[in-house]
């Protein structure tokens, strides 16, 4: 029987960080590669350049809590020429691991909370013409973040830093503009707050997502996010599906812009959606489905749901997934008393 997939975990069931005294498992040298093994998951070990030849037929590689010793993504792509899907999560990587001078043939790349000798600050400079899916989570955005992926169709950016700088903001705007051809986009509260500020200072950002069909937002719906949410909705004129994950808000520190906070957000939070009189093309012609995940039941969430219910003219389905039965009942009552814009719109509430 040929083994096509391996999931190897050396943690012994214990969550271990990099500061422990115990020595991580180190892969032995394997001379003969397996032609049948196409998917590999490794957890908590050291991984050497000399190990790559043993996995040269891999198509999917997932590394978690792995210390990458002496190779780069370019070495990985060169040794594992069939590799299409790479995920590295909570890994310690060489400083220039994500720098590649040649095209790589990955179709999916996910980077989650990785570290180098400069903590979570490391350059990303890659070219992958076949890349379709890119996800970046809890890593620094800086001026050395350059990604060439002309065929990208799905992108997710989730930054959980408590602060932002001008370099962070410029890189986020550059990424959004560079990948405006995406069909699916995920942004979290950090990105949304950055957009709120940039819209005020730059007035109009030079990108629109004309191909985007599905927008996913992870938001606390705080005052600092409302302008950004409104703006990104306007920049997705052909969006058909909107997914909202309402969660605890994290207000970020602005450093160089902190003193201008009161100027940017000089409006009544509870009245914000009622003042949005400009046309949202996606609400007029395209948005058919809204999926909401929420447990908090804050008034700001109700205001946005009512806004969508009363303005999405071709909406067919709004779904609320919640643990709180009282919140589900409140949404049902409030929306039933509101004038829906689409005669076909139906509300579905799921408890889990």
Protein backbone atom coordinates (compact mmCIF):
# COMPACT_ATOMS: atom_id res chain seq x y z
CA UNK A 1 0.00 0.00 0.00
CA UNK A 2 1.42 3.37 -1.00
CA UNK A 3 1.29 6.27 1.47
CA UNK A 4 0.09 9.48 -0.19
CA UNK A 5 -0.38 11.65 2.90
CA UNK A 6 1.49 12.01 6.22
CA UNK A 7 0.64 14.10 9.29
CA UNK A 8 3.57 13.95 11.72
CA UNK A 9 3.31 15.70 15.09
CA UNK A 10 6.31 15.72 17.46
CA UNK A 11 4.67 17.79 20.20
CA UNK A 12 3.39 14.80 22.20
CA UNK A 13 0.09 16.58 22.60
CA UNK A 14 1.68 19.60 24.33
CA UNK A 15 1.64 23.10 22.92
CA UNK A 16 5.29 24.12 22.89
CA UNK A 17 6.87 27.45 22.01
CA UNK A 18 10.37 28.31 20.88
CA UNK A 19 11.58 29.28 24.33
CA UNK A 20 11.42 25.79 25.83
CA UNK A 21 14.58 24.06 26.93
CA UNK A 22 13.80 20.79 25.17
CA UNK A 23 15.42 20.21 21.78
CA UNK A 24 12.96 19.85 18.87
CA UNK A 25 13.08 16.68 16.85
CA UNK A 26 15.47 16.88 13.93
CA UNK A 27 14.65 15.02 10.77
CA UNK A 28 17.18 12.35 9.79
CA UNK A 29 18.72 12.29 6.36
CA UNK A 30 16.52 10.28 3.96
CA UNK A 31 18.26 9.17 0.80
CA UNK A 32 15.40 7.73 -1.25
CA UNK A 33 12.41 10.01 -1.90
CA UNK A 34 8.86 8.68 -1.92
CA UNK A 35 7.13 9.09 -5.26
CA UNK A 36 3.70 8.39 -3.77
CA UNK A 37 3.83 10.94 -0.93
CA UNK A 38 2.09 14.12 -2.14
CA UNK A 39 0.83 15.73 1.10
CA UNK A 40 2.92 16.30 4.23
CA UNK A 41 2.14 18.03 7.54
CA UNK A 42 4.92 18.56 10.07
CA UNK A 43 4.49 19.89 13.60
CA UNK A 44 7.27 20.97 15.96
CA UNK A 45 10.59 19.91 14.49
CA UNK A 46 13.72 21.24 12.85
CA UNK A 47 13.72 21.14 9.06
CA UNK A 48 16.95 21.25 7.05
CA UNK A 49 17.75 21.92 3.43
CA UNK A 50 19.15 18.40 3.19
CA UNK A 51 15.68 17.05 4.06
CA UNK A 52 14.08 18.54 0.96
CA UNK A 53 15.29 15.90 -1.47
CA UNK A 54 13.30 13.27 0.42
CA UNK A 55 10.07 15.15 -0.40
CA UNK A 56 10.70 16.24 -3.97
CA UNK A 57 7.36 14.82 -5.18
CA UNK A 58 5.24 16.75 -2.69
CA UNK A 59 2.28 18.76 -3.96
CA UNK A 60 1.11 20.11 -0.59
CA UNK A 61 3.27 21.02 2.43
CA UNK A 62 2.07 22.36 5.80
CA UNK A 63 4.62 23.36 8.46
CA UNK A 64 3.51 24.34 11.96
CA UNK A 65 5.86 25.28 14.83
CA UNK A 66 8.73 24.20 12.62
CA UNK A 67 12.19 25.77 12.74
CA UNK A 68 13.43 26.15 9.18
CA UNK A 69 17.19 26.07 9.54
CA UNK A 70 19.06 26.83 6.37
CA UNK A 71 16.91 27.21 3.27
CA UNK A 72 14.56 29.65 1.57
CA UNK A 73 11.30 29.43 -0.34
CA UNK A 74 13.41 29.50 -3.50
CA UNK A 75 15.29 26.38 -2.37
CA UNK A 76 11.96 24.75 -1.54
CA UNK A 77 10.53 25.53 -4.97
CA UNK A 78 13.72 24.33 -6.68
CA UNK A 79 13.94 21.00 -4.83
CA UNK A 80 10.19 20.30 -4.75
CA UNK A 81 9.24 21.21 -8.30
CA UNK A 82 5.74 19.69 -8.02
CA UNK A 83 4.82 21.68 -4.90
CA UNK A 84 1.65 23.75 -5.40
CA UNK A 85 0.28 24.43 -1.93
CA UNK A 86 2.44 25.79 0.93
CA UNK A 87 1.30 26.72 4.44
CA UNK A 88 3.73 27.88 7.12
CA UNK A 89 2.20 28.66 10.51
CA UNK A 90 3.96 29.79 13.69
CA UNK A 91 7.32 28.84 12.18
CA UNK A 92 10.76 30.26 12.84
CA UNK A 93 12.23 31.13 9.46
CA UNK A 94 15.52 32.61 8.20
CA UNK A 95 15.30 36.38 7.72
CA UNK A 96 15.24 36.14 3.90
CA UNK A 97 13.21 32.94 3.65
CA UNK A 98 10.44 34.70 1.70
CA UNK A 99 12.81 36.31 -0.82
CA UNK A 100 12.99 34.58 -4.21
CA UNK A 101 14.81 35.76 -7.34
CA UNK A 102 13.00 33.40 -9.71
CA UNK A 103 9.36 32.58 -10.43
CA UNK A 104 7.81 29.89 -8.28
CA UNK A 105 4.89 27.74 -9.39
CA UNK A 106 2.76 27.69 -6.25
CA UNK A 107 -1.00 28.04 -6.63
CA UNK A 108 -1.68 28.59 -2.90
CA UNK A 109 0.45 30.29 -0.23
CA UNK A 110 -0.50 30.89 3.41
CA UNK A 111 1.75 32.59 5.97
CA UNK A 112 0.52 32.71 9.57
CA UNK A 113 2.36 34.32 12.50
CA UNK A 114 5.89 33.41 11.44
CA UNK A 115 9.05 34.76 13.04
CA UNK A 116 12.62 35.48 12.07
CA UNK A 117 15.55 36.81 14.05
CA UNK A 118 13.74 40.17 13.84
CA UNK A 119 10.58 38.75 15.37
CA UNK A 120 7.65 38.98 12.93
CA UNK A 121 9.42 41.45 10.65
CA UNK A 122 10.82 39.84 7.52
CA UNK A 123 10.80 40.79 3.83
CA UNK A 124 8.41 39.15 1.36
CA UNK A 125 9.57 39.42 -2.23
CA UNK A 126 8.23 36.69 -4.51
CA UNK A 127 6.90 36.21 -8.03
CA UNK A 128 4.40 33.44 -8.61
CA UNK A 129 2.49 33.80 -11.91
CA UNK A 130 0.31 30.77 -11.12
CA UNK A 131 -0.60 31.83 -7.58
CA UNK A 132 -4.37 31.81 -7.10
CA UNK A 133 -4.74 32.00 -3.30
CA UNK A 134 -2.70 34.11 -0.87
CA UNK A 135 -3.30 34.50 2.87
CA UNK A 136 -1.23 36.59 5.27
CA UNK A 137 -2.06 36.52 8.96
CA UNK A 138 -0.48 38.28 11.93
CA UNK A 139 2.74 39.27 10.18
CA UNK A 140 4.21 42.72 9.68
CA UNK A 141 3.40 44.63 6.54
CA UNK A 142 6.37 46.73 5.49
CA UNK A 143 7.92 48.40 2.47
CA UNK A 144 9.72 45.15 1.61
CA UNK A 145 6.46 43.30 0.98
CA UNK A 146 6.34 42.72 -2.79
CA UNK A 147 4.23 39.99 -4.36
CA UNK A 148 3.84 39.48 -8.08
CA UNK A 149 0.79 37.27 -8.67
CA UNK A 150 -1.11 38.50 -11.75
CA UNK A 151 -3.63 35.63 -11.64
CA UNK A 152 -4.54 35.85 -7.95
CA UNK A 153 -8.27 35.32 -7.36
CA UNK A 154 -8.46 34.97 -3.56
CA UNK A 155 -6.66 37.01 -0.90
CA UNK A 156 -6.95 37.24 2.88
CA UNK A 157 -5.14 39.78 5.06
CA UNK A 158 -5.53 39.52 8.83
CA UNK A 159 -3.17 41.69 10.86
CA UNK A 160 -3.55 41.60 14.65
CA UNK A 161 -1.01 44.24 15.61
CA UNK A 162 -2.08 46.79 18.27
CA UNK A 163 -0.61 49.68 16.29
CA UNK A 164 0.10 50.93 12.78
CA UNK A 165 2.71 53.05 11.02
CA UNK A 166 2.80 54.89 7.71
CA UNK A 167 4.77 51.96 6.25
CA UNK A 168 2.06 49.49 7.27
CA UNK A 169 -0.65 51.64 5.74
CA UNK A 170 1.19 52.23 2.47
CA UNK A 171 1.87 48.51 2.04
CA UNK A 172 -1.75 47.53 2.67
CA UNK A 173 -3.01 50.06 0.11
CA UNK A 174 -0.38 48.84 -2.35
CA UNK A 175 -1.48 45.21 -1.92
CA UNK A 176 -5.15 46.04 -2.33
CA UNK A 177 -4.46 48.07 -5.44
CA UNK A 178 -2.11 45.48 -6.92
CA UNK A 179 -4.61 42.63 -6.49
CA UNK A 180 -7.80 44.43 -7.43
CA UNK A 181 -8.57 41.53 -9.82
CA UNK A 182 -9.43 39.27 -6.86
CA UNK A 183 -12.78 37.50 -6.80
CA UNK A 184 -12.69 36.79 -3.04
CA UNK A 185 -11.24 39.14 -0.42
CA UNK A 186 -10.98 38.86 3.37
CA UNK A 187 -10.02 41.81 5.60
CA UNK A 188 -9.99 42.03 9.38
CA UNK A 189 -10.57 44.94 11.75
CA UNK A 190 -6.96 46.21 11.48
CA UNK A 191 -7.24 46.53 7.70
CA UNK A 192 -10.68 48.13 7.94
CA UNK A 193 -9.47 50.77 10.41
CA UNK A 194 -6.50 51.56 8.16
CA UNK A 195 -8.88 52.05 5.25
CA UNK A 196 -10.98 54.42 7.38
CA UNK A 197 -8.02 56.69 7.93
CA UNK A 198 -6.64 56.47 4.42
CA UNK A 199 -10.00 57.37 2.88
CA UNK A 200 -10.10 60.55 4.97
CA UNK A 201 -6.55 61.63 4.24
CA UNK A 202 -6.34 60.55 0.59
CA UNK A 203 -10.05 61.14 -0.20
CA UNK A 204 -10.04 58.54 -2.98
CA UNK A 205 -7.90 55.41 -3.24
CA UNK A 206 -6.90 54.34 -6.73
CA UNK A 207 -8.42 50.87 -6.85
CA UNK A 208 -11.75 49.14 -7.32
CA UNK A 209 -12.54 45.42 -7.14
CA UNK A 210 -14.53 45.01 -10.33
CA UNK A 211 -14.10 41.21 -10.38
CA UNK A 212 -14.90 40.67 -6.72
CA UNK A 213 -17.87 38.41 -6.01
CA UNK A 214 -17.36 37.57 -2.32
CA UNK A 215 -16.23 40.01 0.38
CA UNK A 216 -15.44 38.74 3.89
CA UNK A 217 -15.05 41.22 6.75
CA UNK A 218 -13.99 40.43 10.32
CA UNK A 219 -15.11 43.49 12.24
CA UNK A 220 -16.01 44.80 15.66
CA UNK A 221 -18.11 47.52 13.98
CA UNK A 222 -16.48 50.20 16.09
CA UNK A 223 -16.67 53.84 15.08
CA UNK A 224 -13.13 53.63 13.66
CA UNK A 225 -14.25 50.96 11.17
CA UNK A 226 -17.46 52.37 9.72
CA UNK A 227 -15.87 54.62 7.10
CA UNK A 228 -13.65 51.78 5.90
CA UNK A 229 -16.55 49.33 5.63
CA UNK A 230 -18.64 51.81 3.68
CA UNK A 231 -15.75 52.57 1.36
CA UNK A 232 -14.87 48.96 0.55
CA UNK A 233 -18.56 48.23 -0.17
CA UNK A 234 -18.56 51.05 -2.70
CA UNK A 235 -15.36 49.68 -4.27
CA UNK A 236 -16.96 46.26 -4.93
CA UNK A 237 -19.71 47.17 -7.44
CA UNK A 238 -20.38 43.59 -8.61
CA UNK A 239 -20.20 41.80 -5.25
CA UNK A 240 -22.79 39.03 -4.92
CA UNK A 241 -22.01 37.67 -1.43
CA UNK A 242 -21.04 39.49 1.78
CA UNK A 243 -19.82 37.58 4.85
CA UNK A 244 -19.61 39.46 8.15
CA UNK A 245 -17.86 38.04 11.21
CA UNK A 246 -18.74 40.38 14.05
CA UNK A 247 -16.23 40.02 16.87
CA UNK A 248 -14.63 41.92 19.72
CA UNK A 249 -13.20 45.17 18.44
CA UNK A 250 -9.54 46.03 18.78
CA UNK A 251 -8.87 49.72 18.40
CA UNK A 252 -5.36 50.20 17.06
CA UNK A 253 -2.89 52.89 18.12
CA UNK A 254 -2.01 55.36 15.41
CA UNK A 255 1.22 56.97 16.52
CA UNK A 256 1.73 59.72 13.93
CA UNK A 257 -2.02 60.14 13.36
CA UNK A 258 -3.33 59.78 16.93
CA UNK A 259 -3.90 63.51 17.40
CA UNK A 260 -6.18 63.62 14.33
CA UNK A 261 -8.47 60.86 15.61
CA UNK A 262 -11.19 63.27 16.75
CA UNK A 263 -11.23 64.98 13.33
CA UNK A 264 -11.51 61.81 11.26
CA UNK A 265 -14.37 60.36 13.29
CA UNK A 266 -16.42 63.48 13.93
CA UNK A 267 -19.85 61.92 13.37
CA UNK A 268 -22.64 60.22 15.32
CA UNK A 269 -21.90 56.50 15.38
CA UNK A 270 -25.54 55.39 15.83
CA UNK A 271 -26.66 57.51 12.86
CA UNK A 272 -23.85 56.62 10.48
CA UNK A 273 -25.65 54.14 8.18
CA UNK A 274 -28.68 56.41 7.98
CA UNK A 275 -26.46 59.14 6.54
CA UNK A 276 -25.07 56.96 3.73
CA UNK A 277 -27.07 58.49 0.93
CA UNK A 278 -24.58 57.89 -1.92
CA UNK A 279 -25.25 54.93 -4.19
CA UNK A 280 -23.77 51.52 -3.45
CA UNK A 281 -23.80 49.78 -6.83
CA UNK A 282 -23.54 46.32 -5.27
CA UNK A 283 -26.69 46.99 -3.21
CA UNK A 284 -28.55 48.31 -6.20
CA UNK A 285 -27.84 45.50 -8.65
CA UNK A 286 -25.74 42.56 -7.40
CA UNK A 287 -25.74 41.62 -3.70
CA UNK A 288 -27.81 38.46 -3.33
CA UNK A 289 -26.57 36.90 -0.09
CA UNK A 290 -25.42 38.16 3.31
CA UNK A 291 -23.96 35.74 5.88
CA UNK A 292 -23.53 37.04 9.44
CA UNK A 293 -21.72 35.39 12.35
CA UNK A 294 -22.43 37.17 15.62
CA UNK A 295 -23.04 36.58 19.32
CA UNK A 296 -22.67 40.00 20.91
CA UNK A 297 -25.90 41.64 19.76
CA UNK A 298 -24.57 45.19 19.84
CA UNK A 299 -26.63 48.05 18.51
CA UNK A 300 -23.99 48.82 15.85
CA UNK A 301 -24.54 45.34 14.39
CA UNK A 302 -28.28 45.84 14.23
CA UNK A 303 -27.84 49.19 12.50
CA UNK A 304 -25.73 47.63 9.74
CA UNK A 305 -28.06 44.66 9.27
CA UNK A 306 -31.00 47.02 8.94
CA UNK A 307 -29.07 49.13 6.43
CA UNK A 308 -28.39 46.08 4.25
CA UNK A 309 -31.95 44.76 4.64
CA UNK A 310 -33.45 48.10 3.63
CA UNK A 311 -31.09 48.87 0.74
CA UNK A 312 -30.04 45.61 -0.97
CA UNK A 313 -32.56 45.56 -3.82
CA UNK A 314 -31.80 42.07 -5.22
CA UNK A 315 -31.06 40.35 -1.91
CA UNK A 316 -32.36 36.79 -1.69
CA UNK A 317 -30.94 35.49 1.56
CA UNK A 318 -29.66 36.90 4.84
CA UNK A 319 -28.33 34.31 7.29
CA UNK A 320 -27.47 34.87 10.95
CA UNK A 321 -25.41 32.23 12.76
CA UNK A 322 -25.31 32.72 16.54
CA UNK A 323 -25.11 30.96 19.90
CA UNK A 324 -27.49 33.49 21.45
CA UNK A 325 -31.17 32.72 20.92
CA UNK A 326 -32.21 36.11 22.33
CA UNK A 327 -30.03 37.89 19.74
CA UNK A 328 -31.52 35.83 16.93
CA UNK A 329 -35.03 36.67 18.08
CA UNK A 330 -34.19 40.38 18.31
CA UNK A 331 -32.81 40.44 14.77
CA UNK A 332 -35.88 38.63 13.49
CA UNK A 333 -38.23 41.09 15.17
CA UNK A 334 -36.33 44.21 14.11
CA UNK A 335 -36.01 43.19 10.46
CA UNK A 336 -39.63 42.08 10.26
CA UNK A 337 -40.58 45.61 11.28
CA UNK A 338 -38.29 47.13 8.64
CA UNK A 339 -39.11 47.72 4.99
CA UNK A 340 -36.98 45.32 2.98
CA UNK A 341 -35.68 46.58 -0.35
CA UNK A 342 -35.96 43.20 -2.08
CA UNK A 343 -39.30 41.38 -2.23
CA UNK A 344 -37.35 38.11 -2.55
CA UNK A 345 -35.28 38.60 0.61
CA UNK A 346 -35.60 35.93 3.29
CA UNK A 347 -34.06 35.81 6.76
CA UNK A 348 -32.60 32.55 8.11
CA UNK A 349 -31.33 32.16 11.68
CA UNK A 350 -29.11 29.25 12.70
CA UNK A 351 -28.23 28.43 16.32
CA UNK A 352 -25.11 26.44 17.06
